[in-house]
Amino acid sequence: MLEETVSGFLLFLATALGAAVTALWAGMAIWTWRDIRARSRDGLAHITATALVALLNVFGLLVYLMLRPRETLAEAYERSLEEEALLQGIEEKPICPGCARPTQTAWQVCPYCHTRLRKPCIQCGQLLELAWTLCPYCTAVQAAETAPRARRRTPQPAPLEYIQDESEIE
């Protein structure tokens, strides 16, 4: 009777151990399949990595972990989006000094606030920055811009009704 109990216990232990090893083996193969699909679009790589783990078990998993791509496809996509956003941020985008809205380099005035952005060359017609006094395209000297300045007011004589005596008139 004792012999039957020990025999039954050993059979149960062997069955449980076999089931655990089989579950671990299948779990590693399924995990490898899912992991390689997240890291590569190559169907042959999917099959090879899964077969490697299925045939060599733990050693196959170690080899796969050493050889697998570092980042997933989603991580690579996110990284490329971040790089693209950084590059767009680095590019110099012209903005209107009046309203700070985006402009284009071919515009002479801002269509939103009508601020003058560039001026045409008096000889060749190429657009120039407002501060340039020489055209870099045709080397023509540009006419000095007459910016609206505050006019000097010359003192006007006071109207006669405010003058009290004639000695103030000159």
Protein backbone atom coordinates (compact mmCIF):
# COMPACT_ATOMS: atom_id res chain seq x y z
CA MET A 1 0.00 0.00 0.00
CA LEU A 2 2.80 2.33 0.81
CA GLU A 3 4.39 1.39 -2.43
CA GLU A 4 1.22 2.31 -4.37
CA THR A 5 0.95 5.66 -2.60
CA VAL A 6 4.58 6.53 -3.37
CA SER A 7 4.16 5.33 -6.93
CA GLY A 8 0.98 7.41 -7.36
CA PHE A 9 2.66 10.46 -5.82
CA LEU A 10 5.71 10.13 -8.09
CA LEU A 11 3.42 9.72 -11.12
CA PHE A 12 1.49 12.87 -10.11
CA LEU A 13 4.75 14.77 -9.54
CA ALA A 14 6.15 13.71 -12.91
CA THR A 15 2.90 14.66 -14.67
CA ALA A 16 2.80 18.07 -12.95
CA LEU A 17 6.47 18.70 -13.75
CA GLY A 18 5.94 17.65 -17.37
CA ALA A 19 2.92 19.95 -17.67
CA ALA A 20 4.88 22.85 -16.17
CA VAL A 21 7.82 22.33 -18.53
CA THR A 22 5.47 22.01 -21.51
CA ALA A 23 3.61 25.19 -20.48
CA LEU A 24 6.94 27.03 -20.06
CA TRP A 25 8.15 25.79 -23.44
CA ALA A 26 4.92 26.82 -25.19
CA GLY A 27 4.88 30.14 -23.34
CA MET A 28 8.44 30.95 -24.45
CA ALA A 29 7.58 30.10 -28.06
CA ILE A 30 4.42 32.23 -28.01
CA TRP A 31 6.24 35.13 -26.31
CA THR A 32 9.01 34.94 -28.92
CA TRP A 33 6.46 34.97 -31.75
CA ARG A 34 4.74 38.05 -30.33
CA ASP A 35 8.01 39.82 -29.56
CA ILE A 36 9.57 39.30 -32.98
CA ARG A 37 6.33 40.43 -34.68
CA ALA A 38 6.53 43.68 -32.71
CA ARG A 39 10.17 44.18 -33.77
CA SER A 40 10.27 43.07 -37.41
CA ARG A 41 8.09 42.87 -40.51
CA ASP A 42 10.11 40.01 -41.99
CA GLY A 43 8.06 36.80 -42.00
CA LEU A 44 11.14 34.60 -42.24
CA ALA A 45 12.56 36.23 -39.09
CA HIS A 46 9.27 35.49 -37.29
CA ILE A 47 9.43 31.79 -38.16
CA THR A 48 13.18 31.43 -37.54
CA ALA A 49 13.12 33.07 -34.10
CA THR A 50 10.12 31.04 -32.97
CA ALA A 51 11.62 27.77 -34.26
CA LEU A 52 14.91 28.57 -32.53
CA VAL A 53 13.16 28.95 -29.18
CA ALA A 54 10.87 25.96 -29.81
CA LEU A 55 13.79 23.64 -30.62
CA LEU A 56 16.45 24.84 -28.17
CA ASN A 57 14.13 25.90 -25.35
CA VAL A 58 15.92 28.14 -22.81
CA PHE A 59 19.15 28.25 -24.82
CA GLY A 60 17.20 29.25 -27.91
CA LEU A 61 15.54 32.03 -25.92
CA LEU A 62 18.93 33.29 -24.75
CA VAL A 63 20.24 33.31 -28.33
CA TYR A 64 17.09 35.13 -29.49
CA LEU A 65 17.44 37.74 -26.75
CA MET A 66 21.02 38.41 -27.86
CA LEU A 67 20.10 38.74 -31.55
CA ARG A 68 16.72 40.45 -31.53
CA PRO A 69 16.35 44.05 -32.73
CA ARG A 70 16.76 46.61 -29.94
CA GLU A 71 13.58 48.57 -30.53
CA THR A 72 10.07 47.66 -31.53
CA LEU A 73 8.48 48.95 -34.71
CA ALA A 74 6.30 51.29 -32.64
CA GLU A 75 9.35 52.70 -30.84
CA ALA A 76 11.16 53.21 -34.14
CA TYR A 77 8.11 54.99 -35.57
CA GLU A 78 7.81 57.24 -32.51
CA ARG A 79 11.52 58.05 -32.68
CA SER A 80 11.25 58.99 -36.34
CA LEU A 81 8.27 61.23 -35.56
CA GLU A 82 10.22 62.91 -32.76
CA GLU A 83 13.22 63.46 -35.05
CA GLU A 84 10.97 64.93 -37.74
CA ALA A 85 9.33 67.26 -35.23
CA LEU A 86 12.74 68.37 -33.97
CA LEU A 87 13.94 69.02 -37.51
CA GLN A 88 10.84 71.07 -38.25
CA GLY A 89 11.42 73.05 -35.08
CA ILE A 90 15.02 73.75 -36.11
CA GLU A 91 14.08 75.01 -39.56
CA GLU A 92 13.77 78.76 -39.64
CA LYS A 93 10.20 79.66 -40.35
CA PRO A 94 9.57 83.28 -41.29
CA ILE A 95 7.02 85.05 -39.14
CA CYS A 96 5.47 88.47 -39.39
CA PRO A 97 7.04 90.98 -37.00
CA GLY A 98 3.67 92.69 -36.66
CA CYS A 99 1.30 89.84 -35.80
CA ALA A 100 3.70 86.85 -35.34
CA ARG A 101 1.78 84.69 -37.81
CA PRO A 102 3.68 82.46 -40.25
CA THR A 103 4.62 84.05 -43.56
CA GLN A 104 6.26 82.92 -46.77
CA THR A 105 9.54 84.17 -48.17
CA ALA A 106 7.87 85.34 -51.40
CA TRP A 107 5.47 87.73 -49.66
CA GLN A 108 6.02 91.48 -49.71
CA VAL A 109 3.40 92.20 -47.05
CA CYS A 110 1.66 90.20 -44.37
CA PRO A 111 -1.86 89.33 -45.57
CA TYR A 112 -3.17 89.44 -42.00
CA CYS A 113 -1.90 92.74 -40.59
CA HIS A 114 -0.51 94.38 -43.76
CA THR A 115 2.98 94.83 -42.29
CA ARG A 116 5.61 95.32 -44.99
CA LEU A 117 7.94 92.30 -45.00
CA ARG A 118 10.18 92.78 -48.07
CA LYS A 119 10.74 95.24 -50.86
CA PRO A 120 11.43 94.62 -54.56
CA CYS A 121 14.80 95.64 -56.02
CA ILE A 122 14.49 98.83 -58.08
CA GLN A 123 16.47 97.25 -60.93
CA CYS A 124 15.88 93.47 -61.08
CA GLY A 125 12.68 93.12 -59.03
CA GLN A 126 13.99 90.38 -56.67
CA LEU A 127 12.60 90.60 -53.15
CA LEU A 128 15.00 92.11 -50.63
CA GLU A 129 14.99 92.53 -46.89
CA LEU A 130 13.82 95.97 -45.86
CA ALA A 131 17.17 96.97 -44.33
CA TRP A 132 19.26 96.09 -47.40
CA THR A 133 20.66 99.04 -49.31
CA LEU A 134 22.32 96.93 -52.00
CA CYS A 135 20.75 94.18 -54.09
CA PRO A 136 22.77 90.93 -53.73
CA TYR A 137 21.40 89.71 -57.07
CA CYS A 138 22.23 92.60 -59.40
CA THR A 139 24.35 94.83 -57.11
CA ALA A 140 22.08 97.81 -57.66
CA VAL A 141 22.14 100.43 -54.93
CA GLN A 142 18.68 100.80 -53.47
CA ALA A 143 17.06 104.14 -52.85
CA ALA A 144 16.99 105.12 -49.21
CA GLU A 145 13.65 104.21 -47.69
CA THR A 146 11.89 107.21 -46.40
CA ALA A 147 10.33 105.88 -43.29
CA PRO A 148 7.51 107.93 -41.92
CA ARG A 149 9.15 110.21 -39.40
CA ALA A 150 7.61 112.58 -36.95
CA ARG A 151 7.55 115.96 -38.64
CA ARG A 152 9.31 118.74 -36.90
CA ARG A 153 6.90 121.42 -36.09
CA THR A 154 8.15 124.89 -36.50
CA PRO A 155 6.79 127.14 -33.88
CA GLN A 156 3.77 128.96 -35.19
CA PRO A 157 3.14 132.49 -34.10
CA ALA A 158 0.40 132.82 -31.59
CA PRO A 159 -2.88 134.10 -32.92
CA LEU A 160 -3.36 137.81 -32.56
CA GLU A 161 -6.19 137.47 -30.11
CA TYR A 162 -3.84 135.92 -27.50
CA ILE A 163 -1.22 138.66 -27.80
CA GLN A 164 -1.72 141.20 -25.14
CA ASP A 165 0.54 144.00 -26.26
CA GLU A 166 2.31 144.83 -29.48
CA SER A 167 5.77 144.42 -27.99
CA GLU A 168 5.41 140.63 -28.24
CA ILE A 169 5.03 140.80 -32.02
CA GLU A 170 8.33 140.59 -33.90
